[in-house]
Amino acid sequence: MAFSKQQLKKFADLIRIDIPDDKLEQMNIDSVIDWLDKLQQIDTAGVEPMLNPAEHKLPRRADVVTDGNIRDAVLANDPDNAGVSRGYFAVPKVMDE
C-alpha cells in the first residue's frame, strides 16, 4: 500500500504536524502502516481494558469521623496569645483601607 505525497501531506495536516516537503519524500510510511495492520490482526478477545499498565493500588486510610473540637489545643500554638482569650489567632494587618 503506497501513499502519495498529497495523501501524506493531508495526514500530516489532520494530525497537526508540519512536515517539510523534502522530508515527506524520504518518509517510509508504508512500513509503519504495515506494522499497524499487523497490530489490528491481534486477537484481544477476553483481554480486560487497562487504564494504566502499572497495577499499583494506592494505600487508603480508613475514613473515620473524629471529634474536631480541639480549638484549645490548636490555639496553644499561638506564640503571643494575643487572641487566644477570645478564641482566635491574632495576625498583623495585611491590607490598607
C-alpha atoms as a PDB file:
ATOM      1  CA  MET A   1       0.000   0.000   0.000  1.00  0.00           C
ATOM      2  CA  ALA A   2       1.760   3.126  -1.227  1.00  0.00           C
ATOM      3  CA  PHE A   3       0.735   6.644  -0.265  1.00  0.00           C
ATOM      4  CA  SER A   4       1.102   9.647  -2.500  1.00  0.00           C
ATOM      5  CA  LYS A   5       2.802  12.836  -1.405  1.00  0.00           C
ATOM      6  CA  GLN A   6      -0.589  14.594  -1.269  1.00  0.00           C
ATOM      7  CA  GLN A   7      -2.071  11.877   0.963  1.00  0.00           C
ATOM      8  CA  LEU A   8       0.867  12.106   3.364  1.00  0.00           C
ATOM      9  CA  LYS A   9       0.532  15.894   3.432  1.00  0.00           C
ATOM     10  CA  LYS A  10      -3.188  15.537   4.230  1.00  0.00           C
ATOM     11  CA  PHE A  11      -2.430  13.039   7.035  1.00  0.00           C
ATOM     12  CA  ALA A  12       0.118  15.444   8.472  1.00  0.00           C
ATOM     13  CA  ASP A  13      -2.412  18.285   8.357  1.00  0.00           C
ATOM     14  CA  LEU A  14      -5.065  16.143  10.065  1.00  0.00           C
ATOM     15  CA  ILE A  15      -2.766  15.273  12.965  1.00  0.00           C
ATOM     16  CA  ARG A  16      -1.498  18.847  13.133  1.00  0.00           C
ATOM     17  CA  ILE A  17       2.167  18.312  12.353  1.00  0.00           C
ATOM     18  CA  ASP A  18       4.258  20.181   9.836  1.00  0.00           C
ATOM     19  CA  ILE A  19       6.443  18.009   7.624  1.00  0.00           C
ATOM     20  CA  PRO A  20       8.710  19.776   5.135  1.00  0.00           C
ATOM     21  CA  ASP A  21       8.417  18.614   1.513  1.00  0.00           C
ATOM     22  CA  ASP A  22      11.977  17.268   1.423  1.00  0.00           C
ATOM     23  CA  LYS A  23      11.290  15.093   4.500  1.00  0.00           C
ATOM     24  CA  LEU A  24       7.966  13.999   3.082  1.00  0.00           C
ATOM     25  CA  GLU A  25       9.648  12.394   0.085  1.00  0.00           C
ATOM     26  CA  GLN A  26      12.079  10.492   2.336  1.00  0.00           C
ATOM     27  CA  MET A  27       9.386   9.084   4.638  1.00  0.00           C
ATOM     28  CA  ASN A  28       8.755   5.349   4.556  1.00  0.00           C
ATOM     29  CA  ILE A  29       5.233   5.431   5.916  1.00  0.00           C
ATOM     30  CA  ASP A  30       4.332   2.126   4.282  1.00  0.00           C
ATOM     31  CA  SER A  31       6.307   0.104   6.835  1.00  0.00           C
ATOM     32  CA  VAL A  32       4.508   1.888   9.681  1.00  0.00           C
ATOM     33  CA  ILE A  33       1.110   1.237   8.104  1.00  0.00           C
ATOM     34  CA  ASP A  34       2.000  -2.445   7.589  1.00  0.00           C
ATOM     35  CA  TRP A  35       3.007  -2.717  11.251  1.00  0.00           C
ATOM     36  CA  LEU A  36      -0.288  -1.107  12.323  1.00  0.00           C
ATOM     37  CA  ASP A  37      -2.177  -3.575  10.139  1.00  0.00           C
ATOM     38  CA  LYS A  38      -0.424  -6.438  11.948  1.00  0.00           C
ATOM     39  CA  LEU A  39      -1.451  -4.931  15.290  1.00  0.00           C
ATOM     40  CA  GLN A  40      -5.072  -4.805  14.137  1.00  0.00           C
ATOM     41  CA  GLN A  41      -4.997  -8.566  13.476  1.00  0.00           C
ATOM     42  CA  ILE A  42      -4.067  -9.464  17.075  1.00  0.00           C
ATOM     43  CA  ASP A  43      -6.879 -11.303  18.878  1.00  0.00           C
ATOM     44  CA  THR A  44      -7.701  -9.333  22.026  1.00  0.00           C
ATOM     45  CA  ALA A  45     -10.924 -11.149  22.913  1.00  0.00           C
ATOM     46  CA  GLY A  46     -11.132 -11.676  26.659  1.00  0.00           C
ATOM     47  CA  VAL A  47      -8.469  -9.100  27.481  1.00  0.00           C
ATOM     48  CA  GLU A  48      -9.630  -6.531  30.014  1.00  0.00           C
ATOM     49  CA  PRO A  49      -9.024  -2.881  29.030  1.00  0.00           C
ATOM     50  CA  MET A  50      -6.363  -1.106  31.082  1.00  0.00           C
ATOM     51  CA  LEU A  51      -6.299   2.466  32.282  1.00  0.00           C
ATOM     52  CA  ASN A  52      -2.681   2.150  33.357  1.00  0.00           C
ATOM     53  CA  PRO A  53      -0.136  -0.596  32.682  1.00  0.00           C
ATOM     54  CA  ALA A  54       1.044  -0.437  36.293  1.00  0.00           C
ATOM     55  CA  GLU A  55      -1.238  -2.392  38.590  1.00  0.00           C
ATOM     56  CA  HIS A  56      -0.348  -0.402  41.703  1.00  0.00           C
ATOM     57  CA  LYS A  57      -3.020   0.308  44.234  1.00  0.00           C
ATOM     58  CA  LEU A  58      -2.597   3.318  46.469  1.00  0.00           C
ATOM     59  CA  PRO A  59      -2.898   2.649  50.175  1.00  0.00           C
ATOM     60  CA  ARG A  60      -6.060   4.097  51.628  1.00  0.00           C
ATOM     61  CA  ARG A  61      -6.721   5.127  55.165  1.00  0.00           C
ATOM     62  CA  ALA A  62      -9.996   4.476  56.885  1.00  0.00           C
ATOM     63  CA  ASP A  63     -12.461   7.339  56.657  1.00  0.00           C
ATOM     64  CA  VAL A  64     -13.175   7.816  60.321  1.00  0.00           C
ATOM     65  CA  VAL A  65     -15.111  10.747  61.718  1.00  0.00           C
ATOM     66  CA  THR A  66     -13.337  12.191  64.736  1.00  0.00           C
ATOM     67  CA  ASP A  67     -14.237  14.865  67.197  1.00  0.00           C
ATOM     68  CA  GLY A  68     -12.818  18.001  65.637  1.00  0.00           C
ATOM     69  CA  ASN A  69     -13.401  20.134  68.702  1.00  0.00           C
ATOM     70  CA  ILE A  70      -9.725  20.738  69.510  1.00  0.00           C
ATOM     71  CA  ARG A  71      -9.774  24.537  69.453  1.00  0.00           C
ATOM     72  CA  ASP A  72      -7.852  24.895  72.702  1.00  0.00           C
ATOM     73  CA  ALA A  73      -5.093  22.537  71.517  1.00  0.00           C
ATOM     74  CA  VAL A  74      -4.750  24.476  68.267  1.00  0.00           C
ATOM     75  CA  LEU A  75      -4.745  27.873  69.986  1.00  0.00           C
ATOM     76  CA  ALA A  76      -1.995  26.646  72.323  1.00  0.00           C
ATOM     77  CA  ASN A  77       0.362  27.025  69.338  1.00  0.00           C
ATOM     78  CA  ASP A  78      -0.158  30.802  69.229  1.00  0.00           C
ATOM     79  CA  PRO A  79       3.232  32.404  70.042  1.00  0.00           C
ATOM     80  CA  ASP A  80       1.937  35.617  71.621  1.00  0.00           C
ATOM     81  CA  ASN A  81      -1.509  34.568  72.914  1.00  0.00           C
ATOM     82  CA  ALA A  82      -2.985  37.875  71.715  1.00  0.00           C
ATOM     83  CA  GLY A  83      -6.301  36.448  70.571  1.00  0.00           C
ATOM     84  CA  VAL A  84      -6.402  33.193  72.499  1.00  0.00           C
ATOM     85  CA  SER A  85      -8.660  34.530  75.230  1.00  0.00           C
ATOM     86  CA  ARG A  86     -11.192  35.495  72.533  1.00  0.00           C
ATOM     87  CA  GLY A  87     -10.853  32.140  70.697  1.00  0.00           C
ATOM     88  CA  TYR A  88      -8.867  33.089  67.585  1.00  0.00           C
ATOM     89  CA  PHE A  89      -5.367  33.807  66.301  1.00  0.00           C
ATOM     90  CA  ALA A  90      -4.429  37.481  66.157  1.00  0.00           C
ATOM     91  CA  VAL A  91      -2.488  38.302  62.988  1.00  0.00           C
ATOM     92  CA  PRO A  92      -0.923  41.541  61.746  1.00  0.00           C
ATOM     93  CA  LYS A  93      -2.939  43.747  59.423  1.00  0.00           C
ATOM     94  CA  VAL A  94      -2.102  42.882  55.811  1.00  0.00           C
ATOM     95  CA  MET A  95      -4.283  45.318  53.830  1.00  0.00           C
ATOM     96  CA  ASP A  96      -4.685  49.062  53.925  1.00  0.00           C
ATOM     97  CA  GLU A  97      -8.133  50.594  53.942  1.00  0.00           C
END
